[in-house]
Every structure is written in structure tokens, then in C-alpha cells.
Amino acid sequence: HRRVAPAEVSEYWTDRALHFITSQPGAWAKLMARKVALIWNATEMVDTEDQSTHADWSWPLRIASPIGHFGVLVPLATFGVAVTWRDRRRLAVLYALIVAYAASVVLFYVFARYRYPLVPLLIPFAAAGGIGIWDLGFGIRSGFGTRIPNPNRIPNPKSLIPIVIVVAVFTNWPIESQAAMRAVTETNLGVALQTDRKLDEAIAHYRRAIAARPDYAPAYSNLATALRDAKRLDEA
């Protein structure tokens, strides 16, 4: 046996990935389609902590949770792209940044924290989309002396509403369970507490993880070790 260099590990997994792509192109295409859906989906794919669990301890997050996600941001941004389309040449850099960054995440791995840089790129379009929807309904003028880009400058603007609805359904379609994301967070909290020897609190978090996702094996394993450390062997 010998120690494998990081470059060798990288080369091995690169070869495995390329072999998978070339030998199973259909499976790879299906995986890519799922990742494309996930990067725009309302559910936050977590690797350590999820927003909904933090919302239990933060009233601003609780208030913002119903609208503070990609399921609202992306449909609004889609409409915003439409209402600012006449400025598309000036906004081309933003389009390119969004597409390029989203593609890089899809090719790598879709985690919530990896897609966060998309948020500041989408917010200007979402703002324009919100104003555009308001304008479409009320035809008001902004307070900046010029009219905000709005659906009235687009041929047949009402025809865009079905497109926005389709995007809203697409981004809010339940691909992954939010309860499963909560189970990851509760388990990680339990691990941190168990490391600090706060066993009763750790056990409580592991049980919450199991309640959220009854088939989550790491929570069961960690619960057993916490119960053992607490000398509650019968329960372990």
C-alpha cells in the first residue's frame, strides 16, 4: 500500500465520471436535468444547516420564509427579464453571469450555499418584474421621473403571465423534501452538542431528525452512540 497523491485521486474520479458520461449518456442527461431543476427549485439543498430550522429561532426568518426563496425569486426574475428586454444589450453581462454561474454549479454539485451567488444577480430582474406586475395592473409611474420598464412596452404583455405561472410551478415543484433537509440540520446540531458532551440536548436533536425523516440512518447511528455515552444502554 502507498499514500495516494491528491492529483491521483482527482484523476481517478475524473476518469470515473467521464466513463459514466460516455457509457451511460441517458442516465447522465437525466441527472443533469434533475440538477438543472434543483438549482432553480424552492427547496434549499443543504449539506450542513437549513434555513427552515434556523427560522425556528429567528422571527425575521420566520416572517420572510414564505417569500424568501427561489420559488418566488425566479418567477419574478423571469418576468423581470421580459419587462427589461428592450435593454437586453446593456444587460447582456448579467445574462451571461447568471447562465455561466448556474452552469458551473450544475456541472459540479447543487447545494444551497453554492447557488447563493445567483441571488444578487437575480434580484435586479425580480425587482423589475415586481414593478412590471404592479404597472400591468395599475399603470402607475415611478418616482424617478421616467417610467419603469413595464409590460406595456412589450407586445401583448398579458401573454407573459402564463409563462410566469409555468415557471412558478416548475420552481415550486416538490423535488426534495424540506423535512429531509431539516433532518440533516438536526443531526449536525446533535453532533456538535454531543462533541461538547451535552448529551441530553444532542439526543433530543437526533430524535427530531428521526421524526422529520424516519429513514435517516446517520441520526439513528448518532442517537445510539449518544445514548451509550449517556449510559442509557437499554435505549441504545
Protein backbone atom coordinates (compact mmCIF):
# COMPACT_ATOMS: atom_id res chain seq x y z
CA HIS A 1 0.00 0.00 0.00
CA ARG A 2 1.13 3.57 -0.67
CA ARG A 3 -0.25 7.00 0.01
CA VAL A 4 -2.26 8.31 -2.95
CA ALA A 5 -1.50 11.86 -4.04
CA PRO A 6 -4.39 14.34 -4.35
CA ALA A 7 -3.74 14.63 -8.09
CA GLU A 8 -4.12 10.86 -8.46
CA VAL A 9 -7.39 10.90 -6.55
CA SER A 10 -8.67 13.69 -8.78
CA GLU A 11 -7.56 11.86 -11.92
CA TYR A 12 -9.25 8.64 -10.78
CA TRP A 13 -12.62 10.28 -10.16
CA THR A 14 -12.38 12.34 -13.34
CA ASP A 15 -11.87 9.11 -15.30
CA ARG A 16 -14.82 7.51 -13.50
CA ALA A 17 -17.04 10.50 -14.28
CA LEU A 18 -16.06 10.57 -17.95
CA HIS A 19 -16.62 6.81 -18.20
CA PHE A 20 -20.10 7.21 -16.72
CA ILE A 21 -20.94 10.02 -19.16
CA THR A 22 -19.75 8.11 -22.23
CA SER A 23 -21.09 4.70 -21.22
CA GLN A 24 -24.48 5.88 -19.90
CA PRO A 25 -25.34 9.13 -21.72
CA GLY A 26 -29.05 8.73 -21.00
CA ALA A 27 -28.51 8.40 -17.24
CA TRP A 28 -26.11 11.35 -17.30
CA ALA A 29 -28.62 13.51 -19.21
CA LYS A 30 -31.32 12.57 -16.69
CA LEU A 31 -29.01 13.52 -13.82
CA MET A 32 -28.18 16.86 -15.45
CA ALA A 33 -31.89 17.59 -15.98
CA ARG A 34 -32.54 16.92 -12.30
CA LYS A 35 -29.68 19.22 -11.29
CA VAL A 36 -30.96 21.97 -13.59
CA ALA A 37 -34.35 21.68 -11.88
CA LEU A 38 -32.76 21.70 -8.42
CA ILE A 39 -30.72 24.84 -8.97
CA TRP A 40 -33.92 26.85 -9.55
CA ASN A 41 -36.10 24.96 -7.06
CA ALA A 42 -37.61 26.48 -3.91
CA THR A 43 -36.13 23.74 -1.73
CA GLU A 44 -32.72 24.56 -0.29
CA MET A 45 -30.39 21.59 -0.76
CA VAL A 46 -28.29 21.66 2.40
CA ASP A 47 -25.05 19.99 3.37
CA THR A 48 -24.92 21.28 6.95
CA GLU A 49 -27.77 23.60 8.00
CA ASP A 50 -31.13 24.52 6.51
CA GLN A 51 -32.93 27.84 6.60
CA SER A 52 -36.22 26.47 7.95
CA THR A 53 -34.55 25.13 11.10
CA HIS A 54 -32.86 28.47 11.73
CA ALA A 55 -36.27 30.08 11.27
CA ASP A 56 -37.42 28.30 14.46
CA TRP A 57 -35.05 30.59 16.36
CA SER A 58 -35.29 33.75 14.26
CA TRP A 59 -38.52 35.70 13.83
CA PRO A 60 -37.22 37.68 10.80
CA LEU A 61 -36.54 34.39 9.03
CA ARG A 62 -39.96 33.03 10.02
CA ILE A 63 -41.67 36.11 8.57
CA ALA A 64 -39.57 36.05 5.39
CA SER A 65 -39.72 32.29 4.81
CA PRO A 66 -42.97 32.24 2.77
CA ILE A 67 -41.46 34.53 0.13
CA GLY A 68 -37.71 34.39 0.77
CA HIS A 69 -36.86 31.54 -1.56
CA PHE A 70 -36.15 30.69 -5.19
CA GLY A 71 -39.79 29.72 -5.78
CA VAL A 72 -40.66 33.43 -5.61
CA LEU A 73 -37.39 34.97 -6.77
CA VAL A 74 -37.06 33.04 -10.04
CA PRO A 75 -40.61 33.63 -11.40
CA LEU A 76 -40.31 37.34 -10.59
CA ALA A 77 -36.89 37.47 -12.24
CA THR A 78 -38.29 35.72 -15.31
CA PHE A 79 -40.93 38.41 -15.66
CA GLY A 80 -38.24 41.00 -15.00
CA VAL A 81 -36.16 39.71 -17.89
CA ALA A 82 -39.21 40.18 -20.12
CA VAL A 83 -40.03 43.71 -18.97
CA THR A 84 -36.42 44.82 -19.38
CA TRP A 85 -35.94 43.03 -22.70
CA ARG A 86 -35.61 46.28 -24.64
CA ASP A 87 -32.39 46.86 -22.66
CA ARG A 88 -31.08 43.37 -23.36
CA ARG A 89 -27.82 44.55 -24.91
CA ARG A 90 -26.97 46.63 -21.88
CA LEU A 91 -27.93 43.75 -19.58
CA ALA A 92 -26.11 41.06 -21.57
CA VAL A 93 -23.35 40.81 -18.96
CA LEU A 94 -25.91 39.93 -16.28
CA TYR A 95 -27.47 37.28 -18.53
CA ALA A 96 -24.03 35.79 -19.16
CA LEU A 97 -23.12 35.78 -15.46
CA ILE A 98 -26.36 34.05 -14.48
CA VAL A 99 -26.07 31.37 -17.17
CA ALA A 100 -22.34 30.77 -16.63
CA TYR A 101 -22.57 30.56 -12.85
CA ALA A 102 -25.67 28.34 -12.90
CA ALA A 103 -23.94 26.02 -15.38
CA SER A 104 -20.86 25.78 -13.15
CA VAL A 105 -23.00 24.71 -10.17
CA VAL A 106 -24.95 22.18 -12.24
CA LEU A 107 -21.73 20.63 -13.53
CA PHE A 108 -20.30 20.44 -10.00
CA TYR A 109 -22.87 19.88 -7.24
CA VAL A 110 -26.10 21.64 -6.34
CA PHE A 111 -26.01 22.85 -2.75
CA ALA A 112 -27.87 25.87 -1.39
CA ARG A 113 -24.66 27.66 -0.45
CA TYR A 114 -23.22 27.11 -3.92
CA ARG A 115 -26.16 28.76 -5.63
CA TYR A 116 -26.37 31.78 -3.28
CA PRO A 117 -24.24 33.94 -5.63
CA LEU A 118 -27.14 33.73 -8.09
CA VAL A 119 -29.35 35.71 -5.69
CA PRO A 120 -27.75 39.17 -6.16
CA LEU A 121 -27.76 38.57 -9.92
CA LEU A 122 -31.47 37.70 -9.94
CA ILE A 123 -32.66 40.42 -7.55
CA PRO A 124 -32.48 43.31 -10.07
CA PHE A 125 -34.62 41.35 -12.52
CA ALA A 126 -37.01 40.30 -9.74
CA ALA A 127 -37.37 43.96 -8.73
CA ALA A 128 -38.13 44.93 -12.32
CA GLY A 129 -40.59 42.04 -12.52
CA GLY A 130 -42.39 43.15 -9.37
CA ILE A 131 -42.69 46.71 -10.64
CA GLY A 132 -43.75 45.39 -14.03
CA ILE A 133 -46.57 43.37 -12.49
CA TRP A 134 -47.67 46.42 -10.50
CA ASP A 135 -47.54 48.55 -13.64
CA LEU A 136 -49.51 45.97 -15.58
CA GLY A 137 -52.26 46.10 -13.00
CA PHE A 138 -52.22 49.80 -12.09
CA GLY A 139 -50.23 51.64 -14.77
CA ILE A 140 -48.56 53.85 -12.18
CA ARG A 141 -45.44 55.92 -12.69
CA SER A 142 -42.29 55.62 -10.67
CA GLY A 143 -40.93 58.46 -8.59
CA PHE A 144 -37.73 58.68 -10.61
CA GLY A 145 -39.00 60.83 -13.46
CA THR A 146 -39.00 58.04 -16.05
CA ARG A 147 -41.26 55.12 -16.49
CA ILE A 148 -40.03 51.86 -15.04
CA PRO A 149 -39.58 49.17 -17.74
CA ASN A 150 -43.02 47.58 -17.82
CA PRO A 151 -45.20 45.13 -19.72
CA ASN A 152 -46.80 47.97 -21.71
CA ARG A 153 -43.59 48.21 -23.71
CA ILE A 154 -43.75 44.56 -24.68
CA PRO A 155 -46.05 43.25 -27.42
CA ASN A 156 -49.05 41.54 -25.83
CA PRO A 157 -47.72 41.68 -22.23
CA LYS A 158 -50.56 39.64 -20.75
CA SER A 159 -49.36 36.66 -22.77
CA LEU A 160 -46.35 36.55 -20.42
CA ILE A 161 -48.47 35.71 -17.38
CA PRO A 162 -48.92 32.01 -18.33
CA ILE A 163 -45.15 31.75 -18.78
CA VAL A 164 -44.57 33.15 -15.29
CA ILE A 165 -47.14 30.71 -13.89
CA VAL A 166 -45.36 27.79 -15.58
CA VAL A 167 -42.02 28.97 -14.14
CA ALA A 168 -43.62 29.32 -10.69
CA VAL A 169 -44.96 25.75 -10.85
CA PHE A 170 -41.57 24.49 -12.08
CA THR A 171 -39.60 26.20 -9.30
CA ASN A 172 -42.04 25.19 -6.55
CA TRP A 173 -42.45 21.58 -7.66
CA PRO A 174 -41.57 19.30 -4.70
CA ILE A 175 -38.36 17.60 -5.85
CA GLU A 176 -36.82 17.10 -2.41
CA SER A 177 -38.49 17.02 0.98
CA GLN A 178 -37.88 20.02 3.22
CA ALA A 179 -38.26 17.63 6.15
CA ALA A 180 -35.25 15.69 4.85
CA MET A 181 -33.24 18.91 4.83
CA ARG A 182 -34.32 19.59 8.42
CA ALA A 183 -33.16 16.11 9.43
CA VAL A 184 -29.64 16.93 8.20
CA THR A 185 -29.56 20.12 10.27
CA GLU A 186 -30.92 18.48 13.41
CA THR A 187 -28.36 15.70 13.11
CA ASN A 188 -25.49 18.15 12.67
CA LEU A 189 -26.68 20.12 15.69
CA GLY A 190 -26.76 16.88 17.64
CA VAL A 191 -23.20 16.06 16.61
CA ALA A 192 -21.97 19.49 17.77
CA LEU A 193 -23.76 19.12 21.11
CA GLN A 194 -22.52 15.56 21.56
CA THR A 195 -18.95 16.74 20.95
CA ASP A 196 -19.47 19.26 23.78
CA ARG A 197 -20.81 16.42 25.97
CA LYS A 198 -24.28 17.96 26.09
CA LEU A 199 -25.78 14.54 25.62
CA ASP A 200 -29.39 15.19 26.59
CA GLU A 201 -29.65 18.06 24.12
CA ALA A 202 -27.91 16.02 21.43
CA ILE A 203 -30.32 13.13 21.95
CA ALA A 204 -33.26 15.50 21.62
CA HIS A 205 -31.96 16.79 18.27
CA TYR A 206 -31.33 13.27 16.96
CA ARG A 207 -34.91 12.35 17.84
CA ARG A 208 -36.16 15.42 15.99
CA ALA A 209 -34.13 14.37 12.96
CA ILE A 210 -35.70 10.91 13.06
CA ALA A 211 -39.18 12.42 13.43
CA ALA A 212 -38.54 14.56 10.35
CA ARG A 213 -37.08 11.71 8.33
CA PRO A 214 -37.66 8.22 9.78
CA ASP A 215 -35.26 6.56 7.30
CA TYR A 216 -32.27 8.84 8.00
CA ALA A 217 -29.59 6.36 9.09
CA PRO A 218 -26.98 8.84 10.43
CA ALA A 219 -29.48 10.11 13.00
CA TYR A 220 -30.12 6.58 14.29
CA SER A 221 -26.39 5.81 14.45
CA ASN A 222 -25.55 9.02 16.29
CA LEU A 223 -28.52 8.61 18.63
CA ALA A 224 -27.24 5.18 19.61
CA THR A 225 -23.76 6.49 20.38
CA ALA A 226 -25.18 9.41 22.37
CA LEU A 227 -27.37 7.06 24.41
CA ARG A 228 -24.37 4.81 25.01
CA ASP A 229 -22.27 7.76 26.18
CA ALA A 230 -25.14 8.76 28.49
CA LYS A 231 -25.08 5.22 29.97
CA ARG A 232 -28.60 4.56 28.68
CA LEU A 233 -27.62 1.24 27.15
CA ASP A 234 -31.11 -0.27 27.10
CA GLU A 235 -32.34 2.57 24.87
CA ALA A 236 -29.24 2.42 22.68
